[in-house]
Amino acid sequence: MKNANTFGVHFTLRLDRPVNGRFPIYVRIQVNKGRCAVALKTLVNKEDWNIGKGSPKPKNEELKQLASYLEEVRSKIVVEFQRLQLENTIVTAEAVKNAYLGISDKPAVEKITLCKLVDMHNDMMKSVLKRGTMKNYFSTALYIRRFLAKKSPAGDINLEA
């Protein structure tokens, strides 16, 4: 199963919100067709910003430090995106933003996966079904795990309601 998420991190100036002749920098996170923005609470002059590259022009030490800070922000957002993918959760721009900001969407709710569901079934039915029948269910669980190991990079599939 291939993961086909498109992902991008871009820095922009909000030209419609000047503060004393300077403009706030926003980071825009795009995942697939969804996007959201986060204010970085940093201001820069319009003439010090390279609109095409989405970064400050390295004219002086202050702008070089700003460029370094923006790259640090970009790398943290990329790390959160990759972590969400590895956790096998649904990755949206809002989820990446919340992970970057340290905001939890929901209380710790465990995601149900196919392997967990099969294990839960087998645990519940141990006392109900006979040993021979349970042997067949354990074999099925083994075959499912082998199949998912070959077809899914995470080795499991999330089940959604």
N, C-alpha and C. Protein backbone atom coordinates (compact mmCIF):
# COMPACT_ATOMS: atom_id res chain seq x y z
N MET A 1 0.84 -1.15 0.00
CA MET A 1 0.00 0.00 0.00
C MET A 1 0.89 1.23 0.00
N LYS A 2 0.80 2.05 -1.02
CA LYS A 2 1.65 3.23 -1.14
C LYS A 2 1.01 4.40 -0.44
N ASN A 3 1.85 5.21 0.18
CA ASN A 3 1.38 6.43 0.81
C ASN A 3 1.57 7.56 -0.19
N ALA A 4 0.49 8.17 -0.63
CA ALA A 4 0.56 9.16 -1.69
C ALA A 4 0.28 10.57 -1.19
N ASN A 5 0.76 10.89 0.00
CA ASN A 5 0.56 12.24 0.53
C ASN A 5 1.52 13.21 -0.16
N THR A 6 0.97 14.35 -0.63
CA THR A 6 1.84 15.42 -1.08
C THR A 6 2.02 16.36 0.10
N PHE A 7 3.19 16.95 0.21
CA PHE A 7 3.49 17.73 1.40
C PHE A 7 4.36 18.92 1.03
N GLY A 8 4.08 20.07 1.63
CA GLY A 8 4.90 21.24 1.39
C GLY A 8 4.87 22.20 2.56
N VAL A 9 5.97 22.90 2.75
CA VAL A 9 6.08 23.93 3.78
C VAL A 9 6.59 25.19 3.09
N HIS A 10 5.83 26.28 3.18
CA HIS A 10 6.18 27.51 2.49
C HIS A 10 6.04 28.68 3.46
N PHE A 11 6.93 29.66 3.33
CA PHE A 11 6.87 30.85 4.16
C PHE A 11 6.36 32.01 3.33
N THR A 12 5.43 32.78 3.90
CA THR A 12 4.85 33.91 3.18
C THR A 12 4.75 35.12 4.11
N LEU A 13 4.66 36.28 3.49
CA LEU A 13 4.37 37.50 4.23
C LEU A 13 2.89 37.79 4.12
N ARG A 14 2.31 38.27 5.20
CA ARG A 14 0.91 38.71 5.14
C ARG A 14 0.93 40.21 4.86
N LEU A 15 0.82 40.55 3.60
CA LEU A 15 0.91 41.95 3.18
C LEU A 15 -0.32 42.75 3.59
N ASP A 16 -1.39 42.07 3.96
CA ASP A 16 -2.62 42.75 4.37
C ASP A 16 -2.63 43.09 5.86
N ARG A 17 -1.56 42.74 6.59
CA ARG A 17 -1.49 42.99 8.03
C ARG A 17 -0.18 43.67 8.45
N PRO A 18 0.09 44.86 7.93
CA PRO A 18 1.36 45.52 8.31
C PRO A 18 1.34 45.99 9.77
N VAL A 19 2.52 45.93 10.38
CA VAL A 19 2.71 46.43 11.74
C VAL A 19 3.92 47.37 11.69
N ASN A 20 3.65 48.67 11.79
CA ASN A 20 4.71 49.68 11.74
C ASN A 20 5.58 49.55 10.48
N GLY A 21 4.97 49.29 9.34
CA GLY A 21 5.71 49.19 8.08
C GLY A 21 6.38 47.84 7.86
N ARG A 22 6.27 46.94 8.80
CA ARG A 22 6.83 45.58 8.66
C ARG A 22 5.67 44.59 8.56
N PHE A 23 5.97 43.41 8.02
CA PHE A 23 4.91 42.45 7.76
C PHE A 23 5.18 41.13 8.49
N PRO A 24 4.12 40.50 8.99
CA PRO A 24 4.29 39.22 9.71
C PRO A 24 4.60 38.08 8.74
N ILE A 25 5.42 37.14 9.23
CA ILE A 25 5.76 35.95 8.45
C ILE A 25 4.86 34.80 8.91
N TYR A 26 4.28 34.12 7.95
CA TYR A 26 3.45 32.95 8.21
C TYR A 26 4.08 31.73 7.55
N VAL A 27 3.91 30.57 8.15
CA VAL A 27 4.32 29.34 7.51
C VAL A 27 3.04 28.64 7.05
N ARG A 28 3.02 28.25 5.79
CA ARG A 28 1.87 27.54 5.24
C ARG A 28 2.23 26.08 5.08
N ILE A 29 1.39 25.23 5.65
CA ILE A 29 1.59 23.78 5.57
C ILE A 29 0.55 23.22 4.61
N GLN A 30 1.01 22.46 3.62
CA GLN A 30 0.10 21.86 2.66
C GLN A 30 0.27 20.34 2.68
N VAL A 31 -0.84 19.65 2.85
CA VAL A 31 -0.86 18.20 2.78
C VAL A 31 -2.01 17.83 1.85
N ASN A 32 -1.67 17.13 0.79
CA ASN A 32 -2.63 16.82 -0.27
C ASN A 32 -3.26 18.12 -0.74
N LYS A 33 -4.58 18.28 -0.67
CA LYS A 33 -5.19 19.52 -1.13
C LYS A 33 -5.55 20.46 0.01
N GLY A 34 -5.26 20.05 1.24
CA GLY A 34 -5.57 20.88 2.39
C GLY A 34 -4.38 21.73 2.79
N ARG A 35 -4.68 22.90 3.36
CA ARG A 35 -3.59 23.74 3.82
C ARG A 35 -4.04 24.56 5.02
N CYS A 36 -3.07 24.97 5.80
CA CYS A 36 -3.32 25.85 6.94
C CYS A 36 -2.07 26.67 7.18
N ALA A 37 -2.23 27.75 7.94
CA ALA A 37 -1.11 28.66 8.17
C ALA A 37 -0.93 28.88 9.67
N VAL A 38 0.33 29.16 10.03
CA VAL A 38 0.68 29.44 11.41
C VAL A 38 1.48 30.74 11.42
N ALA A 39 1.09 31.66 12.28
CA ALA A 39 1.84 32.91 12.43
C ALA A 39 3.09 32.63 13.24
N LEU A 40 4.23 33.08 12.74
CA LEU A 40 5.50 32.86 13.44
C LEU A 40 5.84 34.01 14.38
N LYS A 41 4.97 35.02 14.43
CA LYS A 41 5.16 36.17 15.32
C LYS A 41 6.52 36.84 15.11
N THR A 42 6.90 36.92 13.84
CA THR A 42 8.14 37.56 13.44
C THR A 42 7.81 38.55 12.32
N LEU A 43 8.39 39.72 12.39
CA LEU A 43 8.13 40.75 11.39
C LEU A 43 9.37 41.01 10.55
N VAL A 44 9.15 41.39 9.29
CA VAL A 44 10.25 41.70 8.39
C VAL A 44 9.78 42.78 7.41
N ASN A 45 10.73 43.60 6.95
CA ASN A 45 10.42 44.60 5.93
C ASN A 45 10.19 43.90 4.59
N LYS A 46 9.29 44.47 3.81
CA LYS A 46 8.97 43.86 2.51
C LYS A 46 10.19 43.83 1.59
N GLU A 47 11.03 44.86 1.64
CA GLU A 47 12.20 44.91 0.76
C GLU A 47 13.29 43.92 1.18
N ASP A 48 13.21 43.39 2.40
CA ASP A 48 14.17 42.39 2.87
C ASP A 48 13.69 40.96 2.62
N TRP A 49 12.56 40.79 1.93
CA TRP A 49 11.97 39.47 1.72
C TRP A 49 12.02 39.10 0.25
N ASN A 50 12.50 37.90 -0.05
CA ASN A 50 12.52 37.38 -1.41
C ASN A 50 11.23 36.59 -1.62
N ILE A 51 10.27 37.18 -2.31
CA ILE A 51 8.95 36.58 -2.47
C ILE A 51 9.04 35.27 -3.26
N GLY A 52 9.89 35.22 -4.26
CA GLY A 52 10.02 34.01 -5.08
C GLY A 52 10.52 32.81 -4.31
N LYS A 53 11.50 33.04 -3.43
CA LYS A 53 12.06 31.94 -2.64
C LYS A 53 11.33 31.72 -1.33
N GLY A 54 10.57 32.73 -0.89
CA GLY A 54 9.89 32.62 0.39
C GLY A 54 10.85 32.64 1.56
N SER A 55 11.86 33.49 1.46
CA SER A 55 12.86 33.59 2.53
C SER A 55 13.42 35.00 2.55
N PRO A 56 14.05 35.37 3.67
CA PRO A 56 14.63 36.71 3.73
C PRO A 56 15.90 36.80 2.89
N LYS A 57 16.16 37.99 2.38
CA LYS A 57 17.40 38.22 1.65
C LYS A 57 18.54 38.33 2.67
N PRO A 58 19.63 37.60 2.48
CA PRO A 58 20.71 37.62 3.50
C PRO A 58 21.59 38.86 3.40
N LYS A 59 21.02 40.01 3.70
CA LYS A 59 21.76 41.27 3.61
C LYS A 59 22.63 41.52 4.83
N ASN A 60 22.14 41.14 6.00
CA ASN A 60 22.88 41.41 7.23
C ASN A 60 22.75 40.22 8.18
N GLU A 61 23.38 40.33 9.32
CA GLU A 61 23.40 39.21 10.28
C GLU A 61 22.00 38.89 10.82
N GLU A 62 21.21 39.92 11.05
CA GLU A 62 19.85 39.70 11.57
C GLU A 62 19.01 38.88 10.59
N LEU A 63 19.10 39.19 9.31
CA LEU A 63 18.34 38.45 8.29
C LEU A 63 18.88 37.04 8.11
N LYS A 64 20.18 36.85 8.28
CA LYS A 64 20.74 35.51 8.21
C LYS A 64 20.24 34.65 9.37
N GLN A 65 20.13 35.25 10.55
CA GLN A 65 19.59 34.52 11.70
C GLN A 65 18.11 34.19 11.49
N LEU A 66 17.39 35.11 10.87
CA LEU A 66 15.99 34.85 10.56
C LEU A 66 15.85 33.69 9.59
N ALA A 67 16.70 33.66 8.57
CA ALA A 67 16.68 32.56 7.60
C ALA A 67 16.99 31.23 8.30
N SER A 68 17.92 31.25 9.22
CA SER A 68 18.26 30.04 9.98
C SER A 68 17.08 29.59 10.83
N TYR A 69 16.41 30.53 11.47
CA TYR A 69 15.23 30.22 12.27
C TYR A 69 14.13 29.60 11.41
N LEU A 70 13.91 30.17 10.23
CA LEU A 70 12.86 29.64 9.34
C LEU A 70 13.18 28.22 8.89
N GLU A 71 14.44 27.92 8.63
CA GLU A 71 14.81 26.56 8.25
C GLU A 71 14.64 25.60 9.42
N GLU A 72 14.87 26.08 10.62
CA GLU A 72 14.64 25.26 11.82
C GLU A 72 13.15 24.94 11.96
N VAL A 73 12.30 25.93 11.72
CA VAL A 73 10.85 25.73 11.77
C VAL A 73 10.44 24.71 10.71
N ARG A 74 10.99 24.87 9.50
CA ARG A 74 10.66 23.94 8.41
C ARG A 74 11.05 22.51 8.79
N SER A 75 12.22 22.33 9.36
CA SER A 75 12.67 20.98 9.69
C SER A 75 11.80 20.37 10.79
N LYS A 76 11.37 21.17 11.77
CA LYS A 76 10.49 20.65 12.82
C LYS A 76 9.14 20.22 12.25
N ILE A 77 8.62 20.98 11.31
CA ILE A 77 7.34 20.62 10.69
C ILE A 77 7.49 19.34 9.88
N VAL A 78 8.60 19.20 9.15
CA VAL A 78 8.84 17.98 8.37
C VAL A 78 8.95 16.77 9.30
N VAL A 79 9.63 16.93 10.43
CA VAL A 79 9.76 15.83 11.39
C VAL A 79 8.39 15.41 11.92
N GLU A 80 7.53 16.37 12.23
CA GLU A 80 6.18 16.05 12.72
C GLU A 80 5.36 15.35 11.64
N PHE A 81 5.49 15.78 10.38
CA PHE A 81 4.80 15.12 9.27
C PHE A 81 5.23 13.67 9.15
N GLN A 82 6.54 13.43 9.21
CA GLN A 82 7.05 12.06 9.10
C GLN A 82 6.62 11.21 10.29
N ARG A 83 6.60 11.80 11.48
CA ARG A 83 6.16 11.06 12.67
C ARG A 83 4.70 10.65 12.53
N LEU A 84 3.86 11.54 12.04
CA LEU A 84 2.45 11.21 11.85
C LEU A 84 2.28 10.10 10.82
N GLN A 85 3.10 10.13 9.77
CA GLN A 85 3.02 9.06 8.78
C GLN A 85 3.43 7.72 9.37
N LEU A 86 4.49 7.72 10.17
CA LEU A 86 4.96 6.48 10.77
C LEU A 86 3.98 5.93 11.79
N GLU A 87 3.22 6.81 12.44
CA GLU A 87 2.21 6.36 13.39
C GLU A 87 0.98 5.81 12.70
N ASN A 88 0.96 5.92 11.38
CA ASN A 88 -0.14 5.40 10.59
C ASN A 88 -1.46 6.11 10.89
N THR A 89 -1.40 7.40 11.18
CA THR A 89 -2.60 8.18 11.39
C THR A 89 -2.95 8.90 10.09
N ILE A 90 -4.13 9.43 10.04
CA ILE A 90 -4.53 10.21 8.87
C ILE A 90 -3.80 11.54 8.95
N VAL A 91 -3.03 11.84 7.92
CA VAL A 91 -2.20 13.05 7.92
C VAL A 91 -2.93 14.14 7.16
N THR A 92 -3.24 15.23 7.86
CA THR A 92 -3.84 16.42 7.26
C THR A 92 -2.96 17.61 7.61
N ALA A 93 -3.17 18.71 6.92
CA ALA A 93 -2.41 19.92 7.21
C ALA A 93 -2.69 20.37 8.65
N GLU A 94 -3.93 20.27 9.07
CA GLU A 94 -4.29 20.67 10.43
C GLU A 94 -3.63 19.77 11.47
N ALA A 95 -3.53 18.47 11.18
CA ALA A 95 -2.88 17.54 12.11
C ALA A 95 -1.39 17.84 12.23
N VAL A 96 -0.74 18.18 11.13
CA VAL A 96 0.69 18.52 11.16
C VAL A 96 0.88 19.82 11.95
N LYS A 97 0.01 20.79 11.71
CA LYS A 97 0.08 22.07 12.44
C LYS A 97 -0.08 21.84 13.94
N ASN A 98 -1.08 21.05 14.32
CA ASN A 98 -1.32 20.78 15.74
C ASN A 98 -0.15 20.02 16.37
N ALA A 99 0.43 19.09 15.62
CA ALA A 99 1.59 18.36 16.14
C ALA A 99 2.78 19.30 16.33
N TYR A 100 2.99 20.21 15.39
CA TYR A 100 4.08 21.17 15.50
C TYR A 100 3.87 22.10 16.71
N LEU A 101 2.63 22.52 16.92
CA LEU A 101 2.32 23.43 18.02
C LEU A 101 2.17 22.69 19.36
N GLY A 102 2.16 21.37 19.33
CA GLY A 102 2.01 20.59 20.56
C GLY A 102 0.59 20.51 21.05
N ILE A 103 -0.36 20.68 20.13
CA ILE A 103 -1.78 20.62 20.48
C ILE A 103 -2.29 19.22 20.16
N SER A 104 -2.93 18.60 21.12
CA SER A 104 -3.49 17.26 20.90
C SER A 104 -4.92 17.42 20.40
N ASP A 105 -5.24 16.78 19.27
CA ASP A 105 -6.59 16.85 18.72
C ASP A 105 -7.60 16.21 19.65
N LYS A 106 -7.27 15.02 20.09
CA LYS A 106 -8.20 14.22 20.89
C LYS A 106 -7.44 13.67 22.07
N PRO A 107 -8.16 13.26 23.09
CA PRO A 107 -7.46 12.54 24.14
C PRO A 107 -6.86 11.27 23.56
N ALA A 108 -5.90 10.72 24.23
CA ALA A 108 -5.18 9.56 23.70
C ALA A 108 -6.14 8.42 23.41
N VAL A 109 -6.62 8.39 22.18
CA VAL A 109 -7.50 7.32 21.73
C VAL A 109 -6.66 6.41 20.86
N GLU A 110 -6.67 5.16 21.18
CA GLU A 110 -5.85 4.22 20.43
C GLU A 110 -6.51 3.93 19.09
N LYS A 111 -5.72 3.99 18.03
CA LYS A 111 -6.21 3.67 16.70
C LYS A 111 -6.39 2.17 16.57
N ILE A 112 -7.48 1.77 15.97
CA ILE A 112 -7.73 0.35 15.75
C ILE A 112 -7.14 -0.03 14.40
N THR A 113 -6.33 -1.07 14.41
CA THR A 113 -5.74 -1.58 13.18
C THR A 113 -6.27 -2.99 12.94
N LEU A 114 -6.02 -3.49 11.76
CA LEU A 114 -6.51 -4.82 11.41
C LEU A 114 -5.90 -5.89 12.33
N CYS A 115 -4.62 -5.82 12.59
CA CYS A 115 -3.98 -6.82 13.45
C CYS A 115 -4.51 -6.75 14.88
N LYS A 116 -4.73 -5.53 15.39
CA LYS A 116 -5.28 -5.39 16.74
C LYS A 116 -6.69 -5.96 16.81
N LEU A 117 -7.47 -5.74 15.77
CA LEU A 117 -8.84 -6.26 15.74
C LEU A 117 -8.84 -7.79 15.75
N VAL A 118 -7.96 -8.39 14.96
CA VAL A 118 -7.88 -9.85 14.92
C VAL A 118 -7.44 -10.39 16.29
N ASP A 119 -6.47 -9.73 16.91
CA ASP A 119 -6.02 -10.16 18.24
C ASP A 119 -7.12 -10.02 19.28
N MET A 120 -7.87 -8.91 19.23
CA MET A 120 -8.99 -8.72 20.17
C MET A 120 -10.02 -9.83 19.99
N HIS A 121 -10.33 -10.16 18.73
CA HIS A 121 -11.29 -11.23 18.45
C HIS A 121 -10.81 -12.55 19.04
N ASN A 122 -9.55 -12.88 18.79
CA ASN A 122 -9.01 -14.15 19.28
C ASN A 122 -9.00 -14.21 20.80
N ASP A 123 -8.67 -13.10 21.46
CA ASP A 123 -8.67 -13.07 22.93
C ASP A 123 -10.08 -13.27 23.47
N MET A 124 -11.05 -12.62 22.85
CA MET A 124 -12.43 -12.73 23.35
C MET A 124 -13.01 -14.12 23.11
N MET A 125 -12.61 -14.77 22.04
CA MET A 125 -13.21 -16.05 21.69
C MET A 125 -12.49 -17.26 22.28
N LYS A 126 -11.36 -17.06 22.93
CA LYS A 126 -10.62 -18.18 23.52
C LYS A 126 -11.48 -19.03 24.43
N SER A 127 -12.29 -18.38 25.24
CA SER A 127 -13.11 -19.11 26.21
C SER A 127 -14.40 -19.64 25.60
N VAL A 128 -14.76 -19.18 24.41
CA VAL A 128 -16.03 -19.57 23.80
C VAL A 128 -15.84 -20.70 22.80
N LEU A 129 -14.81 -20.61 21.98
CA LEU A 129 -14.61 -21.59 20.90
C LEU A 129 -13.69 -22.72 21.33
N LYS A 130 -13.80 -23.81 20.63
CA LYS A 130 -12.96 -24.96 20.93
C LYS A 130 -11.55 -24.75 20.39
N ARG A 131 -10.63 -25.55 20.89
CA ARG A 131 -9.21 -25.42 20.58
C ARG A 131 -8.94 -25.54 19.07
N GLY A 132 -9.57 -26.47 18.39
CA GLY A 132 -9.36 -26.67 16.95
C GLY A 132 -9.79 -25.46 16.14
N THR A 133 -10.91 -24.85 16.53
CA THR A 133 -11.40 -23.66 15.84
C THR A 133 -10.45 -22.49 16.09
N MET A 134 -9.99 -22.36 17.33
CA MET A 134 -9.07 -21.28 17.64
C MET A 134 -7.75 -21.43 16.88
N LYS A 135 -7.33 -22.67 16.66
CA LYS A 135 -6.11 -22.90 15.89
C LYS A 135 -6.26 -22.30 14.49
N ASN A 136 -7.44 -22.45 13.90
CA ASN A 136 -7.70 -21.89 12.57
C ASN A 136 -7.65 -20.35 12.60
N TYR A 137 -8.20 -19.76 13.66
CA TYR A 137 -8.17 -18.30 13.77
C TYR A 137 -6.74 -17.79 13.96
N PHE A 138 -5.93 -18.51 14.73
CA PHE A 138 -4.54 -18.11 14.91
C PHE A 138 -3.76 -18.21 13.60
N SER A 139 -4.07 -19.24 12.81
CA SER A 139 -3.42 -19.38 11.50
C SER A 139 -3.82 -18.22 10.58
N THR A 140 -5.08 -17.86 10.62
CA THR A 140 -5.56 -16.73 9.80
C THR A 140 -4.85 -15.44 10.21
N ALA A 141 -4.68 -15.23 11.52
CA ALA A 141 -3.98 -14.04 12.00
C ALA A 141 -2.54 -14.02 11.49
N LEU A 142 -1.90 -15.17 11.48
CA LEU A 142 -0.53 -15.27 10.98
C LEU A 142 -0.46 -14.92 9.49
N TYR A 143 -1.40 -15.44 8.71
CA TYR A 143 -1.43 -15.15 7.27
C TYR A 143 -1.70 -13.66 7.01
N ILE A 144 -2.57 -13.06 7.81
CA ILE A 144 -2.85 -11.63 7.65
C ILE A 144 -1.58 -10.82 7.93
N ARG A 145 -0.86 -11.17 8.99
CA ARG A 145 0.37 -10.44 9.33
C ARG A 145 1.42 -10.59 8.22
N ARG A 146 1.57 -11.78 7.69
CA ARG A 146 2.53 -11.99 6.60
C ARG A 146 2.17 -11.16 5.37
N PHE A 147 0.87 -11.15 5.03
CA PHE A 147 0.41 -10.40 3.88
C PHE A 147 0.67 -8.90 4.08
N LEU A 148 0.30 -8.38 5.26
CA LEU A 148 0.49 -6.95 5.52
C LEU A 148 1.96 -6.57 5.57
N ALA A 149 2.82 -7.49 6.02
CA ALA A 149 4.25 -7.20 6.05
C ALA A 149 4.79 -6.98 4.64
N LYS A 150 4.22 -7.69 3.67
CA LYS A 150 4.66 -7.53 2.28
C LYS A 150 4.02 -6.32 1.60
N LYS A 151 2.76 -6.04 1.91
CA LYS A 151 2.00 -5.04 1.15
C LYS A 151 1.95 -3.65 1.80
N SER A 152 2.15 -3.55 3.10
CA SER A 152 2.02 -2.27 3.78
C SER A 152 3.35 -1.89 4.42
N PRO A 153 3.84 -0.68 4.19
CA PRO A 153 5.12 -0.29 4.79
C PRO A 153 5.10 -0.33 6.32
N ALA A 154 3.95 -0.05 6.91
CA ALA A 154 3.85 -0.04 8.37
C ALA A 154 3.58 -1.44 8.92
N GLY A 155 3.23 -2.39 8.08
CA GLY A 155 2.95 -3.74 8.53
C GLY A 155 1.55 -3.90 9.09
N ASP A 156 0.71 -2.89 8.95
CA ASP A 156 -0.65 -2.93 9.47
C ASP A 156 -1.49 -1.89 8.74
N ILE A 157 -2.82 -1.98 8.88
CA ILE A 157 -3.71 -1.05 8.22
C ILE A 157 -4.65 -0.46 9.27
N ASN A 158 -4.81 0.86 9.26
CA ASN A 158 -5.77 1.51 10.16
C ASN A 158 -7.19 1.22 9.69
N LEU A 159 -8.07 0.99 10.63
CA LEU A 159 -9.48 0.80 10.34
C LEU A 159 -10.22 2.05 10.79
N GLU A 160 -11.08 2.57 9.95
CA GLU A 160 -11.79 3.80 10.24
C GLU A 160 -13.28 3.54 10.26
N ALA A 161 -13.97 4.30 11.09
CA ALA A 161 -15.42 4.17 11.17
C ALA A 161 -16.08 5.01 10.11
